[in-house]
Each structure stands twice: as C-alpha cells, then as structure tokens.
Amino acid sequence: MLSPCCTSDIVRAELDAVGIAVTPEELELLVAACATMRARAASLYIPEAELFEPADVFSARDQA
C-alpha cells in the first residue's frame, strides 16, 4: 500500500529541496521503495537514547 507521504509529487519535492536530480525511472523506483525506507528509518529510533549524551561531547577546558 502506498503511504500518503510517498507520492511522486512529495518524493520529487523532497529531492528538489536538497538539489538531487533524478530520471523518471529513478523517481519511480524511489516512490516504490519510499514506504519501506521510511519504516526502516523509523525502526532505528530508540527512545532510551534520549537519556544519554553523545560520546563525542567533551569540554575543551582543562578538567584538572
């Protein structure tokens, strides 16, 4: 089933917003894969991650 956020107009607008030009064939493939890509990206979200600071955060000041 095609998600309402995965129409060719919306996918084209998203690509245009970031300056990516695609052929009509590529657009068709992206629209077909859109729902799967969005679901997979959403599955990477881990609510517990909000409780932690990123490992690359550090203070440049001397801690001594």
N, C-alpha and C. Protein backbone atom coordinates (compact mmCIF):
# COMPACT_ATOMS: atom_id res chain seq x y z
N MET A 1 0.84 -1.19 0.00
CA MET A 1 0.00 0.00 0.00
C MET A 1 0.88 1.25 0.00
N LEU A 2 0.52 2.21 -0.80
CA LEU A 2 1.30 3.44 -0.92
C LEU A 2 0.95 4.39 0.22
N SER A 3 1.95 4.77 0.96
CA SER A 3 1.76 5.71 2.06
C SER A 3 1.44 7.09 1.50
N PRO A 4 0.60 7.88 2.18
CA PRO A 4 0.29 9.22 1.68
C PRO A 4 1.53 10.10 1.56
N CYS A 5 2.59 9.78 2.31
CA CYS A 5 3.81 10.58 2.25
C CYS A 5 4.75 10.08 1.15
N CYS A 6 4.32 9.10 0.39
CA CYS A 6 5.20 8.52 -0.62
C CYS A 6 4.64 8.67 -2.03
N THR A 7 4.02 9.79 -2.31
CA THR A 7 3.55 10.03 -3.68
C THR A 7 4.71 10.59 -4.49
N SER A 8 4.60 10.51 -5.79
CA SER A 8 5.69 11.01 -6.63
C SER A 8 5.89 12.51 -6.46
N ASP A 9 4.80 13.26 -6.22
CA ASP A 9 4.93 14.71 -6.02
C ASP A 9 5.73 15.02 -4.76
N ILE A 10 5.46 14.28 -3.70
CA ILE A 10 6.16 14.53 -2.43
C ILE A 10 7.62 14.10 -2.52
N VAL A 11 7.87 12.94 -3.11
CA VAL A 11 9.25 12.47 -3.26
C VAL A 11 10.02 13.44 -4.14
N ARG A 12 9.42 13.91 -5.22
CA ARG A 12 10.07 14.88 -6.11
C ARG A 12 10.37 16.17 -5.36
N ALA A 13 9.43 16.65 -4.55
CA ALA A 13 9.65 17.88 -3.78
C ALA A 13 10.79 17.72 -2.79
N GLU A 14 10.86 16.56 -2.14
CA GLU A 14 11.96 16.32 -1.19
C GLU A 14 13.30 16.30 -1.91
N LEU A 15 13.35 15.66 -3.08
CA LEU A 15 14.59 15.61 -3.84
C LEU A 15 14.98 17.01 -4.34
N ASP A 16 13.99 17.77 -4.82
CA ASP A 16 14.25 19.13 -5.29
C ASP A 16 14.77 20.02 -4.17
N ALA A 17 14.24 19.81 -2.96
CA ALA A 17 14.64 20.63 -1.81
C ALA A 17 16.12 20.49 -1.48
N VAL A 18 16.67 19.32 -1.75
CA VAL A 18 18.09 19.10 -1.47
C VAL A 18 18.95 19.11 -2.73
N GLY A 19 18.33 19.43 -3.86
CA GLY A 19 19.08 19.59 -5.10
C GLY A 19 19.51 18.31 -5.77
N ILE A 20 18.73 17.25 -5.62
CA ILE A 20 19.06 15.97 -6.26
C ILE A 20 18.19 15.78 -7.48
N ALA A 21 18.81 15.66 -8.63
CA ALA A 21 18.09 15.43 -9.88
C ALA A 21 18.07 13.93 -10.18
N VAL A 22 16.90 13.42 -10.51
CA VAL A 22 16.76 12.00 -10.83
C VAL A 22 15.99 11.86 -12.14
N THR A 23 16.20 10.73 -12.79
CA THR A 23 15.46 10.43 -14.01
C THR A 23 14.06 9.96 -13.61
N PRO A 24 13.13 9.96 -14.55
CA PRO A 24 11.78 9.44 -14.24
C PRO A 24 11.81 7.99 -13.76
N GLU A 25 12.73 7.20 -14.29
CA GLU A 25 12.84 5.80 -13.86
C GLU A 25 13.32 5.72 -12.41
N GLU A 26 14.30 6.56 -12.06
CA GLU A 26 14.80 6.58 -10.69
C GLU A 26 13.72 7.06 -9.72
N LEU A 27 12.96 8.06 -10.14
CA LEU A 27 11.87 8.56 -9.30
C LEU A 27 10.85 7.46 -9.05
N GLU A 28 10.53 6.70 -10.07
CA GLU A 28 9.58 5.59 -9.92
C GLU A 28 10.09 4.57 -8.90
N LEU A 29 11.38 4.25 -8.96
CA LEU A 29 11.97 3.30 -8.00
C LEU A 29 11.96 3.87 -6.58
N LEU A 30 12.26 5.15 -6.45
CA LEU A 30 12.26 5.77 -5.12
C LEU A 30 10.87 5.81 -4.52
N VAL A 31 9.87 6.11 -5.33
CA VAL A 31 8.49 6.13 -4.84
C VAL A 31 8.08 4.73 -4.40
N ALA A 32 8.45 3.72 -5.18
CA ALA A 32 8.11 2.34 -4.84
C ALA A 32 8.77 1.90 -3.53
N ALA A 33 9.97 2.39 -3.27
CA ALA A 33 10.72 1.98 -2.07
C ALA A 33 10.49 2.91 -0.88
N CYS A 34 9.79 3.99 -1.09
CA CYS A 34 9.64 5.03 -0.07
C CYS A 34 9.08 4.52 1.25
N ALA A 35 7.99 3.80 1.22
CA ALA A 35 7.36 3.33 2.47
C ALA A 35 8.30 2.41 3.24
N THR A 36 9.01 1.54 2.53
CA THR A 36 9.96 0.63 3.18
C THR A 36 11.11 1.41 3.80
N MET A 37 11.65 2.39 3.06
CA MET A 37 12.76 3.19 3.59
C MET A 37 12.34 3.98 4.82
N ARG A 38 11.14 4.55 4.80
CA ARG A 38 10.66 5.32 5.96
C ARG A 38 10.46 4.41 7.17
N ALA A 39 9.92 3.22 6.94
CA ALA A 39 9.70 2.28 8.04
C ALA A 39 11.03 1.83 8.64
N ARG A 40 12.00 1.57 7.79
CA ARG A 40 13.32 1.14 8.29
C ARG A 40 14.00 2.26 9.05
N ALA A 41 13.90 3.49 8.55
CA ALA A 41 14.50 4.62 9.25
C ALA A 41 13.83 4.81 10.61
N ALA A 42 12.51 4.67 10.66
CA ALA A 42 11.78 4.82 11.92
C ALA A 42 12.17 3.73 12.91
N SER A 43 12.51 2.55 12.41
CA SER A 43 12.87 1.44 13.31
C SER A 43 14.22 1.67 13.99
N LEU A 44 15.01 2.61 13.49
CA LEU A 44 16.31 2.92 14.10
C LEU A 44 16.16 3.78 15.35
N TYR A 45 15.00 4.38 15.54
CA TYR A 45 14.76 5.25 16.69
C TYR A 45 14.69 4.42 17.97
N ILE A 46 15.45 4.83 18.96
CA ILE A 46 15.46 4.15 20.26
C ILE A 46 15.12 5.22 21.30
N PRO A 47 13.93 5.16 21.89
CA PRO A 47 13.54 6.19 22.86
C PRO A 47 14.53 6.36 24.01
N GLU A 48 15.14 5.27 24.45
CA GLU A 48 16.07 5.34 25.58
C GLU A 48 17.31 6.16 25.26
N ALA A 49 17.61 6.36 23.99
CA ALA A 49 18.80 7.11 23.60
C ALA A 49 18.72 8.57 24.04
N GLU A 50 17.53 9.07 24.29
CA GLU A 50 17.38 10.45 24.74
C GLU A 50 17.97 10.67 26.13
N LEU A 51 18.18 9.59 26.87
CA LEU A 51 18.68 9.69 28.24
C LEU A 51 20.19 9.87 28.31
N PHE A 52 20.87 9.73 27.20
CA PHE A 52 22.33 9.75 27.20
C PHE A 52 22.87 10.89 26.34
N GLU A 53 24.06 11.34 26.68
CA GLU A 53 24.74 12.34 25.86
C GLU A 53 25.56 11.62 24.81
N PRO A 54 25.74 12.24 23.66
CA PRO A 54 26.59 11.61 22.63
C PRO A 54 28.01 11.43 23.15
N ALA A 55 28.67 10.38 22.73
CA ALA A 55 30.01 10.06 23.20
C ALA A 55 31.04 11.10 22.77
N ASP A 56 30.75 11.85 21.72
CA ASP A 56 31.75 12.80 21.22
C ASP A 56 31.64 14.17 21.88
N VAL A 57 30.82 14.30 22.91
CA VAL A 57 30.72 15.57 23.62
C VAL A 57 31.84 15.63 24.65
N PHE A 58 32.61 16.70 24.60
CA PHE A 58 33.69 16.87 25.57
C PHE A 58 33.90 18.35 25.82
N SER A 59 34.52 18.65 26.91
CA SER A 59 34.85 20.02 27.23
C SER A 59 36.31 20.26 26.86
N ALA A 60 36.57 21.33 26.15
CA ALA A 60 37.94 21.65 25.75
C ALA A 60 38.72 22.30 26.90
N ARG A 61 38.04 22.62 27.97
CA ARG A 61 38.72 23.25 29.11
C ARG A 61 39.48 22.20 29.91
N ASP A 62 40.52 22.64 30.57
CA ASP A 62 41.31 21.75 31.42
C ASP A 62 40.46 21.32 32.61
N GLN A 63 40.32 20.03 32.80
CA GLN A 63 39.48 19.49 33.87
C GLN A 63 40.23 19.35 35.19
N ALA A 64 41.52 19.65 35.23
CA ALA A 64 42.32 19.47 36.44
C ALA A 64 42.01 20.49 37.50
